[in-house]
C-alpha atoms as a PDB file:
ATOM      1  CA  UNK A   1     104.868 190.924 138.729  1.00  0.00           C
ATOM      2  CA  UNK A   2     103.642 193.231 135.964  1.00  0.00           C
ATOM      3  CA  UNK A   3     101.315 191.280 133.648  1.00  0.00           C
ATOM      4  CA  UNK A   4      98.267 192.329 131.610  1.00  0.00           C
ATOM      5  CA  UNK A   5      95.926 190.184 129.499  1.00  0.00           C
ATOM      6  CA  UNK A   6      93.155 191.843 127.482  1.00  0.00           C
ATOM      7  CA  UNK A   7      90.695 190.681 124.847  1.00  0.00           C
ATOM      8  CA  UNK A   8      89.160 193.332 122.636  1.00  0.00           C
ATOM      9  CA  UNK A   9      88.970 194.998 119.244  1.00  0.00           C
ATOM     10  CA  UNK A  10      91.415 197.307 117.545  1.00  0.00           C
ATOM     11  CA  UNK A  11      89.840 200.755 117.205  1.00  0.00           C
ATOM     12  CA  UNK A  12      91.660 201.641 113.960  1.00  0.00           C
ATOM     13  CA  UNK A  13      94.736 200.493 112.014  1.00  0.00           C
ATOM     14  CA  UNK A  14      98.020 200.886 113.916  1.00  0.00           C
ATOM     15  CA  UNK A  15     100.057 204.057 113.557  1.00  0.00           C
ATOM     16  CA  UNK A  16     103.801 203.723 113.098  1.00  0.00           C
ATOM     17  CA  UNK A  17     105.725 205.867 115.543  1.00  0.00           C
ATOM     18  CA  UNK A  18     109.411 206.646 115.341  1.00  0.00           C
ATOM     19  CA  UNK A  19     111.418 207.446 118.451  1.00  0.00           C
ATOM     20  CA  UNK A  20     114.808 209.075 118.823  1.00  0.00           C
ATOM     21  CA  UNK A  21     117.524 206.948 117.272  1.00  0.00           C
ATOM     22  CA  UNK A  22     115.259 205.589 114.513  1.00  0.00           C
ATOM     23  CA  UNK A  23     113.496 202.991 116.670  1.00  0.00           C
ATOM     24  CA  UNK A  24     109.972 202.274 115.373  1.00  0.00           C
ATOM     25  CA  UNK A  25     106.886 200.977 117.143  1.00  0.00           C
ATOM     26  CA  UNK A  26     103.227 200.391 116.311  1.00  0.00           C
ATOM     27  CA  UNK A  27     100.609 202.213 118.369  1.00  0.00           C
ATOM     28  CA  UNK A  28      96.876 201.551 118.501  1.00  0.00           C
ATOM     29  CA  UNK A  29      93.903 201.628 120.837  1.00  0.00           C
ATOM     30  CA  UNK A  30      92.309 198.393 122.024  1.00  0.00           C
ATOM     31  CA  UNK A  31      88.639 198.586 123.023  1.00  0.00           C
ATOM     32  CA  UNK A  32      87.444 196.192 125.720  1.00  0.00           C
ATOM     33  CA  UNK A  33      83.872 195.668 126.931  1.00  0.00           C
ATOM     34  CA  UNK A  34      82.627 194.681 130.354  1.00  0.00           C
ATOM     35  CA  UNK A  35      79.055 193.880 131.346  1.00  0.00           C
ATOM     36  CA  UNK A  36      77.921 195.121 134.745  1.00  0.00           C
ATOM     37  CA  UNK A  37      74.761 195.936 136.664  1.00  0.00           C
ATOM     38  CA  UNK A  38      74.336 199.564 137.721  1.00  0.00           C
ATOM     39  CA  UNK A  39      72.877 200.849 141.019  1.00  0.00           C
ATOM     40  CA  UNK A  40      69.316 200.567 139.652  1.00  0.00           C
ATOM     41  CA  UNK A  41      69.852 196.916 138.670  1.00  0.00           C
ATOM     42  CA  UNK A  42      69.972 197.633 134.939  1.00  0.00           C
ATOM     43  CA  UNK A  43      72.578 195.688 132.934  1.00  0.00           C
ATOM     44  CA  UNK A  44      75.061 197.977 131.152  1.00  0.00           C
ATOM     45  CA  UNK A  45      78.017 197.519 128.832  1.00  0.00           C
ATOM     46  CA  UNK A  46      81.078 199.555 129.728  1.00  0.00           C
ATOM     47  CA  UNK A  47      83.680 200.149 127.018  1.00  0.00           C
ATOM     48  CA  UNK A  48      87.263 201.161 127.781  1.00  0.00           C
ATOM     49  CA  UNK A  49      90.070 202.231 125.455  1.00  0.00           C
ATOM     50  CA  UNK A  50      93.618 201.127 126.174  1.00  0.00           C
ATOM     51  CA  UNK A  51      96.758 202.588 124.604  1.00  0.00           C
ATOM     52  CA  UNK A  52      98.847 199.712 123.247  1.00  0.00           C
ATOM     53  CA  UNK A  53     102.211 199.636 121.505  1.00  0.00           C
ATOM     54  CA  UNK A  54     104.334 196.894 119.986  1.00  0.00           C
ATOM     55  CA  UNK A  55     108.014 196.495 119.045  1.00  0.00           C
ATOM     56  CA  UNK A  56     109.950 194.031 116.907  1.00  0.00           C
ATOM     57  CA  UNK A  57     108.118 191.165 115.224  1.00  0.00           C
ATOM     58  CA  UNK A  58     104.717 192.191 116.605  1.00  0.00           C
ATOM     59  CA  UNK A  59     105.138 195.670 115.114  1.00  0.00           C
ATOM     60  CA  UNK A  60     105.606 194.154 111.647  1.00  0.00           C
ATOM     61  CA  UNK A  61     102.716 191.690 112.004  1.00  0.00           C
ATOM     62  CA  UNK A  62     100.252 194.241 113.395  1.00  0.00           C
ATOM     63  CA  UNK A  63     101.147 196.765 110.686  1.00  0.00           C
ATOM     64  CA  UNK A  64     100.383 194.127 108.020  1.00  0.00           C
ATOM     65  CA  UNK A  65      97.108 192.723 109.378  1.00  0.00           C
ATOM     66  CA  UNK A  66      95.911 195.496 111.703  1.00  0.00           C
ATOM     67  CA  UNK A  67      92.538 197.021 110.864  1.00  0.00           C
ATOM     68  CA  UNK A  68      89.524 198.483 112.611  1.00  0.00           C
ATOM     69  CA  UNK A  69      87.443 195.937 114.561  1.00  0.00           C
ATOM     70  CA  UNK A  70      90.146 193.253 114.448  1.00  0.00           C
ATOM     71  CA  UNK A  71      89.429 190.973 117.433  1.00  0.00           C
ATOM     72  CA  UNK A  72      92.544 190.050 119.413  1.00  0.00           C
ATOM     73  CA  UNK A  73      93.947 188.942 122.732  1.00  0.00           C
ATOM     74  CA  UNK A  74      96.929 190.965 123.932  1.00  0.00           C
ATOM     75  CA  UNK A  75      99.365 189.931 126.632  1.00  0.00           C
ATOM     76  CA  UNK A  76     102.001 192.315 127.917  1.00  0.00           C
ATOM     77  CA  UNK A  77     102.934 194.661 130.729  1.00  0.00           C
ATOM     78  CA  UNK A  78     101.933 198.104 131.973  1.00  0.00           C
ATOM     79  CA  UNK A  79     104.297 200.990 131.301  1.00  0.00           C
ATOM     80  CA  UNK A  80     103.909 204.401 132.961  1.00  0.00           C
ATOM     81  CA  UNK A  81     105.488 207.529 131.578  1.00  0.00           C
ATOM     82  CA  UNK A  82     105.207 211.220 132.269  1.00  0.00           C
ATOM     83  CA  UNK A  83     104.916 213.947 129.629  1.00  0.00           C
ATOM     84  CA  UNK A  84     104.601 217.737 129.702  1.00  0.00           C
ATOM     85  CA  UNK A  85     101.452 219.027 128.047  1.00  0.00           C
ATOM     86  CA  UNK A  86     100.250 222.629 128.197  1.00  0.00           C
ATOM     87  CA  UNK A  87     102.695 223.319 131.005  1.00  0.00           C
ATOM     88  CA  UNK A  88     101.457 220.422 133.161  1.00  0.00           C
ATOM     89  CA  UNK A  89     102.973 217.017 133.793  1.00  0.00           C
ATOM     90  CA  UNK A  90     100.552 214.177 133.053  1.00  0.00           C
ATOM     91  CA  UNK A  91     100.891 210.447 133.617  1.00  0.00           C
ATOM     92  CA  UNK A  92     100.229 208.070 130.718  1.00  0.00           C
ATOM     93  CA  UNK A  93      99.725 204.335 131.234  1.00  0.00           C
ATOM     94  CA  UNK A  94     100.221 202.104 128.196  1.00  0.00           C
ATOM     95  CA  UNK A  95     100.427 198.390 127.462  1.00  0.00           C
ATOM     96  CA  UNK A  96     103.621 197.066 125.909  1.00  0.00           C
ATOM     97  CA  UNK A  97     102.830 193.977 123.816  1.00  0.00           C
ATOM     98  CA  UNK A  98     104.629 190.730 124.555  1.00  0.00           C
ATOM     99  CA  UNK A  99     102.269 188.358 122.702  1.00  0.00           C
ATOM    100  CA  UNK A 100      99.166 188.628 120.498  1.00  0.00           C
ATOM    101  CA  UNK A 101      96.523 186.117 119.415  1.00  0.00           C
ATOM    102  CA  UNK A 102      94.413 187.217 116.461  1.00  0.00           C
ATOM    103  CA  UNK A 103      90.865 185.893 116.531  1.00  0.00           C
END
């Protein structure tokens, strides 16, 4: 099963991307925070950025209400793809949105 659930904040308003054939999607970064204790016993906050994209109805909704620091819960699945960059093949992991709850 491929299932991801994240709660975080949108880094900036979504960017509309257009693929071959005129298909559009919304892309944005979701920032999540985790609290942990390091090796010295000091509490730290760790922030991570996740590449997220949405199709269909969620693309329209996120383009209308999306803004920096918008708190949301995202549910979806992981998608891996490979791209050529500077002569090297790199792996990109993204989250494809299935459902969103705006907070």
